Amino acid sequence: MEEERKTHGFSVCERRAAVLTGILSIEGFDEENIIMKTTDEDGISIQGHGLHVDKFDSETGDMTVSGMLDAVVYYDVKHKRSGWRSQKRGQ
């Protein structure tokens, strides 16, 4: 029986917390940037300050993040050759 992939979802509460579903992996993180890969095989980056990964369950793909969220950026990594790169703002 083929395993059903969980749909990716993203919910933000007052820019201070986020709940994500359908996360395959965390590719990198620090207090200003969290980079993940979704079940859609896209990349997603949360940018801000004081960011923390509060919970990540690799089996379910559920994740919670806290801190001040400034931006959310999606990447189409299926067509990207260079792979994942964490870029700090201002560089």
PDB file of N, CA and C in Angstrom:
ATOM      1  N   MET A   1       0.838  -1.184   0.000  1.00  0.00           N
ATOM      2  CA  MET A   1       0.000   0.000   0.000  1.00  0.00           C
ATOM      3  C   MET A   1       0.885   1.250   0.000  1.00  0.00           C
ATOM      4  N   GLU A   2       0.595   2.179  -0.881  1.00  0.00           N
ATOM      5  CA  GLU A   2       1.386   3.402  -0.990  1.00  0.00           C
ATOM      6  C   GLU A   2       1.026   4.373   0.132  1.00  0.00           C
ATOM      7  N   GLU A   3       2.070   4.949   0.770  1.00  0.00           N
ATOM      8  CA  GLU A   3       1.863   5.892   1.855  1.00  0.00           C
ATOM      9  C   GLU A   3       1.370   7.229   1.300  1.00  0.00           C
ATOM     10  N   GLU A   4       0.335   7.787   1.920  1.00  0.00           N
ATOM     11  CA  GLU A   4      -0.220   9.062   1.489  1.00  0.00           C
ATOM     12  C   GLU A   4       0.637  10.205   2.015  1.00  0.00           C
ATOM     13  N   ARG A   5       1.002  11.139   1.122  1.00  0.00           N
ATOM     14  CA  ARG A   5       1.800  12.292   1.524  1.00  0.00           C
ATOM     15  C   ARG A   5       0.903  13.354   2.131  1.00  0.00           C
ATOM     16  N   LYS A   6       1.344  13.919   3.241  1.00  0.00           N
ATOM     17  CA  LYS A   6       0.589  14.961   3.916  1.00  0.00           C
ATOM     18  C   LYS A   6       0.735  16.278   3.159  1.00  0.00           C
ATOM     19  N   THR A   7      -0.354  16.974   2.982  1.00  0.00           N
ATOM     20  CA  THR A   7      -0.365  18.254   2.290  1.00  0.00           C
ATOM     21  C   THR A   7       0.374  19.307   3.112  1.00  0.00           C
ATOM     22  N   HIS A   8       1.100  20.161   2.411  1.00  0.00           N
ATOM     23  CA  HIS A   8       1.802  21.255   3.081  1.00  0.00           C
ATOM     24  C   HIS A   8       0.827  22.369   3.432  1.00  0.00           C
ATOM     25  N   GLY A   9       0.956  22.895   4.646  1.00  0.00           N
ATOM     26  CA  GLY A   9       0.139  24.012   5.086  1.00  0.00           C
ATOM     27  C   GLY A   9       0.956  24.936   5.970  1.00  0.00           C
ATOM     28  N   PHE A  10       0.501  26.175   6.082  1.00  0.00           N
ATOM     29  CA  PHE A  10       1.233  27.186   6.841  1.00  0.00           C
ATOM     30  C   PHE A  10       0.229  28.127   7.492  1.00  0.00           C
ATOM     31  N   SER A  11       0.359  28.316   8.799  1.00  0.00           N
ATOM     32  CA  SER A  11      -0.527  29.212   9.528  1.00  0.00           C
ATOM     33  C   SER A  11       0.307  30.088  10.460  1.00  0.00           C
ATOM     34  N   VAL A  12       0.013  31.401  10.476  1.00  0.00           N
ATOM     35  CA  VAL A  12       0.763  32.351  11.302  1.00  0.00           C
ATOM     36  C   VAL A  12      -0.186  33.016  12.293  1.00  0.00           C
ATOM     37  N   CYS A  13       0.293  33.211  13.511  1.00  0.00           N
ATOM     38  CA  CYS A  13      -0.478  33.909  14.534  1.00  0.00           C
ATOM     39  C   CYS A  13       0.277  35.155  14.975  1.00  0.00           C
ATOM     40  N   GLU A  14      -0.226  36.324  14.590  1.00  0.00           N
ATOM     41  CA  GLU A  14       0.313  37.631  14.970  1.00  0.00           C
ATOM     42  C   GLU A  14       1.817  37.773  14.739  1.00  0.00           C
ATOM     43  N   ARG A  15       2.339  37.156  13.698  1.00  0.00           N
ATOM     44  CA  ARG A  15       3.760  37.219  13.327  1.00  0.00           C
ATOM     45  C   ARG A  15       4.692  36.678  14.402  1.00  0.00           C
ATOM     46  N   ARG A  16       4.167  36.075  15.455  1.00  0.00           N
ATOM     47  CA  ARG A  16       5.012  35.592  16.556  1.00  0.00           C
ATOM     48  C   ARG A  16       5.075  34.069  16.648  1.00  0.00           C
ATOM     49  N   ALA A  17       4.260  33.379  15.887  1.00  0.00           N
ATOM     50  CA  ALA A  17       4.260  31.910  15.907  1.00  0.00           C
ATOM     51  C   ALA A  17       3.736  31.395  14.575  1.00  0.00           C
ATOM     52  N   ALA A  18       4.236  30.233  14.179  1.00  0.00           N
ATOM     53  CA  ALA A  18       3.780  29.602  12.944  1.00  0.00           C
ATOM     54  C   ALA A  18       3.629  28.108  13.178  1.00  0.00           C
ATOM     55  N   VAL A  19       2.616  27.540  12.533  1.00  0.00           N
ATOM     56  CA  VAL A  19       2.396  26.101  12.544  1.00  0.00           C
ATOM     57  C   VAL A  19       2.468  25.651  11.096  1.00  0.00           C
ATOM     58  N   LEU A  20       3.305  24.654  10.829  1.00  0.00           N
ATOM     59  CA  LEU A  20       3.490  24.149   9.476  1.00  0.00           C
ATOM     60  C   LEU A  20       3.176  22.667   9.441  1.00  0.00           C
ATOM     61  N   THR A  21       2.637  22.209   8.319  1.00  0.00           N
ATOM     62  CA  THR A  21       2.418  20.791   8.091  1.00  0.00           C
ATOM     63  C   THR A  21       3.072  20.427   6.768  1.00  0.00           C
ATOM     64  N   GLY A  22       3.353  19.152   6.578  1.00  0.00           N
ATOM     65  CA  GLY A  22       3.937  18.696   5.329  1.00  0.00           C
ATOM     66  C   GLY A  22       5.393  19.089   5.158  1.00  0.00           C
ATOM     67  N   ILE A  23       6.149  19.139   6.244  1.00  0.00           N
ATOM     68  CA  ILE A  23       7.572  19.462   6.176  1.00  0.00           C
ATOM     69  C   ILE A  23       8.365  18.153   6.148  1.00  0.00           C
ATOM     70  N   LEU A  24       9.172  17.976   5.116  1.00  0.00           N
ATOM     71  CA  LEU A  24       9.999  16.767   5.008  1.00  0.00           C
ATOM     72  C   LEU A  24      11.265  16.863   5.844  1.00  0.00           C
ATOM     73  N   SER A  25      11.909  18.035   5.787  1.00  0.00           N
ATOM     74  CA  SER A  25      13.175  18.173   6.498  1.00  0.00           C
ATOM     75  C   SER A  25      13.478  19.640   6.766  1.00  0.00           C
ATOM     76  N   ILE A  26      14.326  19.851   7.774  1.00  0.00           N
ATOM     77  CA  ILE A  26      14.876  21.174   8.046  1.00  0.00           C
ATOM     78  C   ILE A  26      16.275  21.178   7.456  1.00  0.00           C
ATOM     79  N   GLU A  27      16.511  22.054   6.507  1.00  0.00           N
ATOM     80  CA  GLU A  27      17.780  22.088   5.796  1.00  0.00           C
ATOM     81  C   GLU A  27      18.812  22.958   6.500  1.00  0.00           C
ATOM     82  N   GLY A  28      18.366  23.894   7.319  1.00  0.00           N
ATOM     83  CA  GLY A  28      19.267  24.768   8.062  1.00  0.00           C
ATOM     84  C   GLY A  28      18.464  25.763   8.867  1.00  0.00           C
ATOM     85  N   PHE A  29      19.061  26.238   9.961  1.00  0.00           N
ATOM     86  CA  PHE A  29      18.362  27.240  10.754  1.00  0.00           C
ATOM     87  C   PHE A  29      19.325  27.993  11.656  1.00  0.00           C
ATOM     88  N   ASP A  30      18.945  29.228  11.947  1.00  0.00           N
ATOM     89  CA  ASP A  30      19.555  30.037  12.986  1.00  0.00           C
ATOM     90  C   ASP A  30      18.462  30.988  13.473  1.00  0.00           C
ATOM     91  N   GLU A  31      18.803  31.986  14.255  1.00  0.00           N
ATOM     92  CA  GLU A  31      17.774  32.863  14.815  1.00  0.00           C
ATOM     93  C   GLU A  31      17.163  33.830  13.803  1.00  0.00           C
ATOM     94  N   GLU A  32      17.712  33.878  12.582  1.00  0.00           N
ATOM     95  CA  GLU A  32      17.199  34.786  11.557  1.00  0.00           C
ATOM     96  C   GLU A  32      16.620  34.090  10.335  1.00  0.00           C
ATOM     97  N   ASN A  33      16.819  32.777  10.194  1.00  0.00           N
ATOM     98  CA  ASN A  33      16.386  32.091   8.990  1.00  0.00           C
ATOM     99  C   ASN A  33      16.202  30.602   9.276  1.00  0.00           C
ATOM    100  N   ILE A  34      15.060  30.057   8.866  1.00  0.00           N
ATOM    101  CA  ILE A  34      14.810  28.625   8.948  1.00  0.00           C
ATOM    102  C   ILE A  34      14.470  28.158   7.534  1.00  0.00           C
ATOM    103  N   ILE A  35      15.223  27.175   7.035  1.00  0.00           N
ATOM    104  CA  ILE A  35      15.038  26.687   5.667  1.00  0.00           C
ATOM    105  C   ILE A  35      14.563  25.240   5.734  1.00  0.00           C
ATOM    106  N   MET A  36      13.463  24.948   5.032  1.00  0.00           N
ATOM    107  CA  MET A  36      12.850  23.624   5.076  1.00  0.00           C
ATOM    108  C   MET A  36      12.527  23.128   3.675  1.00  0.00           C
ATOM    109  N   LYS A  37      12.301  21.827   3.571  1.00  0.00           N
ATOM    110  CA  LYS A  37      11.810  21.218   2.336  1.00  0.00           C
ATOM    111  C   LYS A  37      10.420  20.666   2.624  1.00  0.00           C
ATOM    112  N   THR A  38       9.468  20.936   1.719  1.00  0.00           N
ATOM    113  CA  THR A  38       8.082  20.514   1.922  1.00  0.00           C
ATOM    114  C   THR A  38       7.777  19.234   1.153  1.00  0.00           C
ATOM    115  N   THR A  39       6.625  18.642   1.446  1.00  0.00           N
ATOM    116  CA  THR A  39       6.189  17.440   0.739  1.00  0.00           C
ATOM    117  C   THR A  39       5.899  17.726  -0.728  1.00  0.00           C
ATOM    118  N   ASP A  40       5.726  18.999  -1.087  1.00  0.00           N
ATOM    119  CA  ASP A  40       5.523  19.392  -2.481  1.00  0.00           C
ATOM    120  C   ASP A  40       6.856  19.456  -3.224  1.00  0.00           C
ATOM    121  N   GLU A  41       7.946  19.108  -2.522  1.00  0.00           N
ATOM    122  CA  GLU A  41       9.312  19.180  -3.039  1.00  0.00           C
ATOM    123  C   GLU A  41       9.725  20.608  -3.350  1.00  0.00           C
ATOM    124  N   ASP A  42       9.106  21.550  -2.688  1.00  0.00           N
ATOM    125  CA  ASP A  42       9.504  22.949  -2.764  1.00  0.00           C
ATOM    126  C   ASP A  42      10.287  23.276  -1.500  1.00  0.00           C
ATOM    127  N   GLY A  43      10.962  24.406  -1.530  1.00  0.00           N
ATOM    128  CA  GLY A  43      11.647  24.892  -0.346  1.00  0.00           C
ATOM    129  C   GLY A  43      10.868  26.044   0.234  1.00  0.00           C
ATOM    130  N   ILE A  44      11.015  26.228   1.529  1.00  0.00           N
ATOM    131  CA  ILE A  44      10.376  27.354   2.201  1.00  0.00           C
ATOM    132  C   ILE A  44      11.373  27.912   3.206  1.00  0.00           C
ATOM    133  N   SER A  45      11.434  29.224   3.278  1.00  0.00           N
ATOM    134  CA  SER A  45      12.320  29.901   4.218  1.00  0.00           C
ATOM    135  C   SER A  45      11.488  30.869   5.047  1.00  0.00           C
ATOM    136  N   ILE A  46      11.646  30.785   6.355  1.00  0.00           N
ATOM    137  CA  ILE A  46      11.034  31.756   7.264  1.00  0.00           C
ATOM    138  C   ILE A  46      12.158  32.658   7.733  1.00  0.00           C
ATOM    139  N   GLN A  47      11.967  33.967   7.567  1.00  0.00           N
ATOM    140  CA  GLN A  47      12.991  34.932   7.972  1.00  0.00           C
ATOM    141  C   GLN A  47      12.427  35.828   9.064  1.00  0.00           C
ATOM    142  N   GLY A  48      13.287  36.223   9.986  1.00  0.00           N
ATOM    143  CA  GLY A  48      12.861  37.080  11.085  1.00  0.00           C
ATOM    144  C   GLY A  48      13.975  37.245  12.093  1.00  0.00           C
ATOM    145  N   HIS A  49      13.618  37.392  13.368  1.00  0.00           N
ATOM    146  CA  HIS A  49      14.629  37.452  14.420  1.00  0.00           C
ATOM    147  C   HIS A  49      14.096  36.759  15.668  1.00  0.00           C
ATOM    148  N   GLY A  50      15.019  36.187  16.407  1.00  0.00           N
ATOM    149  CA  GLY A  50      14.652  35.403  17.575  1.00  0.00           C
ATOM    150  C   GLY A  50      13.887  34.141  17.215  1.00  0.00           C
ATOM    151  N   LEU A  51      14.131  33.585  16.030  1.00  0.00           N
ATOM    152  CA  LEU A  51      13.382  32.403  15.572  1.00  0.00           C
ATOM    153  C   LEU A  51      13.847  31.143  16.297  1.00  0.00           C
ATOM    154  N   HIS A  52      12.879  30.301  16.654  1.00  0.00           N
ATOM    155  CA  HIS A  52      13.156  29.026  17.315  1.00  0.00           C
ATOM    156  C   HIS A  52      12.262  27.954  16.718  1.00  0.00           C
ATOM    157  N   VAL A  53      12.830  26.786  16.472  1.00  0.00           N
ATOM    158  CA  VAL A  53      12.034  25.621  16.095  1.00  0.00           C
ATOM    159  C   VAL A  53      11.591  24.991  17.406  1.00  0.00           C
ATOM    160  N   ASP A  54      10.318  25.163  17.741  1.00  0.00           N
ATOM    161  CA  ASP A  54       9.799  24.639  19.009  1.00  0.00           C
ATOM    162  C   ASP A  54       9.525  23.145  18.935  1.00  0.00           C
ATOM    163  N   LYS A  55       9.055  22.688  17.772  1.00  0.00           N
ATOM    164  CA  LYS A  55       8.732  21.272  17.596  1.00  0.00           C
ATOM    165  C   LYS A  55       8.886  20.907  16.135  1.00  0.00           C
ATOM    166  N   PHE A  56       9.460  19.731  15.883  1.00  0.00           N
ATOM    167  CA  PHE A  56       9.481  19.187  14.532  1.00  0.00           C
ATOM    168  C   PHE A  56       9.368  17.672  14.637  1.00  0.00           C
ATOM    169  N   ASP A  57       8.327  17.130  14.031  1.00  0.00           N
ATOM    170  CA  ASP A  57       8.112  15.682  14.007  1.00  0.00           C
ATOM    171  C   ASP A  57       8.341  15.207  12.577  1.00  0.00           C
ATOM    172  N   SER A  58       9.466  14.529  12.344  1.00  0.00           N
ATOM    173  CA  SER A  58       9.816  14.118  10.983  1.00  0.00           C
ATOM    174  C   SER A  58       8.892  13.032  10.446  1.00  0.00           C
ATOM    175  N   GLU A  59       8.209  12.303  11.322  1.00  0.00           N
ATOM    176  CA  GLU A  59       7.282  11.267  10.858  1.00  0.00           C
ATOM    177  C   GLU A  59       5.975  11.861  10.341  1.00  0.00           C
ATOM    178  N   THR A  60       5.452  12.880  11.032  1.00  0.00           N
ATOM    179  CA  THR A  60       4.182  13.487  10.617  1.00  0.00           C
ATOM    180  C   THR A  60       4.377  14.713   9.733  1.00  0.00           C
ATOM    181  N   GLY A  61       5.570  15.342   9.811  1.00  0.00           N
ATOM    182  CA  GLY A  61       5.830  16.568   9.052  1.00  0.00           C
ATOM    183  C   GLY A  61       5.298  17.811   9.725  1.00  0.00           C
ATOM    184  N   ASP A  62       4.874  17.694  10.988  1.00  0.00           N
ATOM    185  CA  ASP A  62       4.342  18.840  11.727  1.00  0.00           C
ATOM    186  C   ASP A  62       5.471  19.614  12.401  1.00  0.00           C
ATOM    187  N   MET A  63       5.327  20.943  12.392  1.00  0.00           N
ATOM    188  CA  MET A  63       6.379  21.797  12.932  1.00  0.00           C
ATOM    189  C   MET A  63       5.772  23.057  13.523  1.00  0.00           C
ATOM    190  N   THR A  64       6.343  23.548  14.618  1.00  0.00           N
ATOM    191  CA  THR A  64       5.948  24.842  15.181  1.00  0.00           C
ATOM    192  C   THR A  64       7.201  25.698  15.338  1.00  0.00           C
ATOM    193  N   VAL A  65       7.032  26.990  15.071  1.00  0.00           N
ATOM    194  CA  VAL A  65       8.123  27.961  15.108  1.00  0.00           C
ATOM    195  C   VAL A  65       7.652  29.160  15.916  1.00  0.00           C
ATOM    196  N   SER A  66       8.560  29.742  16.713  1.00  0.00           N
ATOM    197  CA  SER A  66       8.236  30.976  17.425  1.00  0.00           C
ATOM    198  C   SER A  66       9.324  32.009  17.163  1.00  0.00           C
ATOM    199  N   GLY A  67       9.021  33.258  17.458  1.00  0.00           N
ATOM    200  CA  GLY A  67       9.915  34.388  17.211  1.00  0.00           C
ATOM    201  C   GLY A  67       9.174  35.423  16.386  1.00  0.00           C
ATOM    202  N   MET A  68       9.865  36.481  15.999  1.00  0.00           N
ATOM    203  CA  MET A  68       9.245  37.518  15.165  1.00  0.00           C
ATOM    204  C   MET A  68       9.464  37.176  13.701  1.00  0.00           C
ATOM    205  N   LEU A  69       8.371  36.869  12.996  1.00  0.00           N
ATOM    206  CA  LEU A  69       8.444  36.489  11.587  1.00  0.00           C
ATOM    207  C   LEU A  69       8.356  37.740  10.709  1.00  0.00           C
ATOM    208  N   ASP A  70       9.354  37.915   9.841  1.00  0.00           N
ATOM    209  CA  ASP A  70       9.382  39.054   8.931  1.00  0.00           C
ATOM    210  C   ASP A  70       8.972  38.678   7.511  1.00  0.00           C
ATOM    211  N   ALA A  71       9.321  37.456   7.079  1.00  0.00           N
ATOM    212  CA  ALA A  71       9.048  37.063   5.699  1.00  0.00           C
ATOM    213  C   ALA A  71       8.969  35.547   5.585  1.00  0.00           C
ATOM    214  N   VAL A  72       8.179  35.115   4.605  1.00  0.00           N
ATOM    215  CA  VAL A  72       8.095  33.704   4.241  1.00  0.00           C
ATOM    216  C   VAL A  72       8.325  33.645   2.733  1.00  0.00           C
ATOM    217  N   VAL A  73       9.297  32.834   2.319  1.00  0.00           N
ATOM    218  CA  VAL A  73       9.663  32.756   0.907  1.00  0.00           C
ATOM    219  C   VAL A  73       9.618  31.297   0.480  1.00  0.00           C
ATOM    220  N   TYR A  74       8.955  31.049  -0.654  1.00  0.00           N
ATOM    221  CA  TYR A  74       8.924  29.704  -1.237  1.00  0.00           C
ATOM    222  C   TYR A  74       9.894  29.637  -2.395  1.00  0.00           C
ATOM    223  N   TYR A  75      10.568  28.478  -2.535  1.00  0.00           N
ATOM    224  CA  TYR A  75      11.526  28.240  -3.604  1.00  0.00           C
ATOM    225  C   TYR A  75      11.105  27.008  -4.381  1.00  0.00           C
ATOM    226  N   ASP A  76      11.248  27.057  -5.691  1.00  0.00           N
ATOM    227  CA  ASP A  76      11.006  25.889  -6.530  1.00  0.00           C
ATOM    228  C   ASP A  76      12.340  25.171  -6.671  1.00  0.00           C
ATOM    229  N   VAL A  77      12.630  24.254  -5.763  1.00  0.00           N
ATOM    230  CA  VAL A  77      13.942  23.597  -5.766  1.00  0.00           C
ATOM    231  C   VAL A  77      14.033  22.455  -6.764  1.00  0.00           C
ATOM    232  N   LYS A  78      12.924  22.044  -7.361  1.00  0.00           N
ATOM    233  CA  LYS A  78      12.957  20.975  -8.356  1.00  0.00           C
ATOM    234  C   LYS A  78      13.803  21.369  -9.561  1.00  0.00           C
ATOM    235  N   HIS A  79      13.855  22.675  -9.867  1.00  0.00           N
ATOM    236  CA  HIS A  79      14.584  23.149 -11.031  1.00  0.00           C
ATOM    237  C   HIS A  79      15.849  23.906 -10.657  1.00  0.00           C
ATOM    238  N   LYS A  80      16.184  23.914  -9.383  1.00  0.00           N
ATOM    239  CA  LYS A  80      17.343  24.658  -8.914  1.00  0.00           C
ATOM    240  C   LYS A  80      18.559  23.739  -8.889  1.00  0.00           C
ATOM    241  N   ARG A  81      19.645  24.143  -9.487  1.00  0.00           N
ATOM    242  CA  ARG A  81      20.829  23.297  -9.582  1.00  0.00           C
ATOM    243  C   ARG A  81      21.757  23.464  -8.384  1.00  0.00           C
ATOM    244  N   SER A  82      21.823  24.633  -7.794  1.00  0.00           N
ATOM    245  CA  SER A  82      22.824  24.897  -6.771  1.00  0.00           C
ATOM    246  C   SER A  82      22.469  24.304  -5.410  1.00  0.00           C
ATOM    247  N   GLY A  83      21.255  23.820  -5.206  1.00  0.00           N
ATOM    248  CA  GLY A  83      20.875  23.252  -3.925  1.00  0.00           C
ATOM    249  C   GLY A  83      20.462  24.326  -2.931  1.00  0.00           C
ATOM    250  N   TRP A  84      20.485  23.940  -1.692  1.00  0.00           N
ATOM    251  CA  TRP A  84      20.032  24.832  -0.615  1.00  0.00           C
ATOM    252  C   TRP A  84      21.171  25.739  -0.169  1.00  0.00           C
ATOM    253  N   ARG A  85      20.846  26.994  -0.024  1.00  0.00           N
ATOM    254  CA  ARG A  85      21.823  27.941   0.486  1.00  0.00           C
ATOM    255  C   ARG A  85      21.100  28.885   1.438  1.00  0.00           C
ATOM    256  N   SER A  86      21.628  29.016   2.629  1.00  0.00           N
ATOM    257  CA  SER A  86      21.072  29.950   3.602  1.00  0.00           C
ATOM    258  C   SER A  86      21.766  31.290   3.407  1.00  0.00           C
ATOM    259  N   GLN A  87      20.977  32.316   3.086  1.00  0.00           N
ATOM    260  CA  GLN A  87      21.548  33.635   2.887  1.00  0.00           C
ATOM    261  C   GLN A  87      21.054  34.554   3.984  1.00  0.00           C
ATOM    262  N   LYS A  88      21.974  35.180   4.669  1.00  0.00           N
ATOM    263  CA  LYS A  88      21.622  36.155   5.690  1.00  0.00           C
ATOM    264  C   LYS A  88      21.198  37.452   5.001  1.00  0.00           C
ATOM    265  N   ARG A  89      20.222  38.100   5.602  1.00  0.00           N
ATOM    266  CA  ARG A  89      19.798  39.380   5.059  1.00  0.00           C
ATOM    267  C   ARG A  89      20.924  40.391   5.178  1.00  0.00           C
ATOM    268  N   GLY A  90      21.063  41.261   4.199  1.00  0.00           N
ATOM    269  CA  GLY A  90      22.075  42.305   4.222  1.00  0.00           C
ATOM    270  C   GLY A  90      23.397  41.890   3.609  1.00  0.00           C
ATOM    271  N   GLN A  91      23.507  40.668   3.075  1.00  0.00           N
ATOM    272  CA  GLN A  91      24.769  40.262   2.437  1.00  0.00           C
ATOM    273  C   GLN A  91      24.634  40.324   0.942  1.00  0.00           C
TER     274      GLN A  91
END
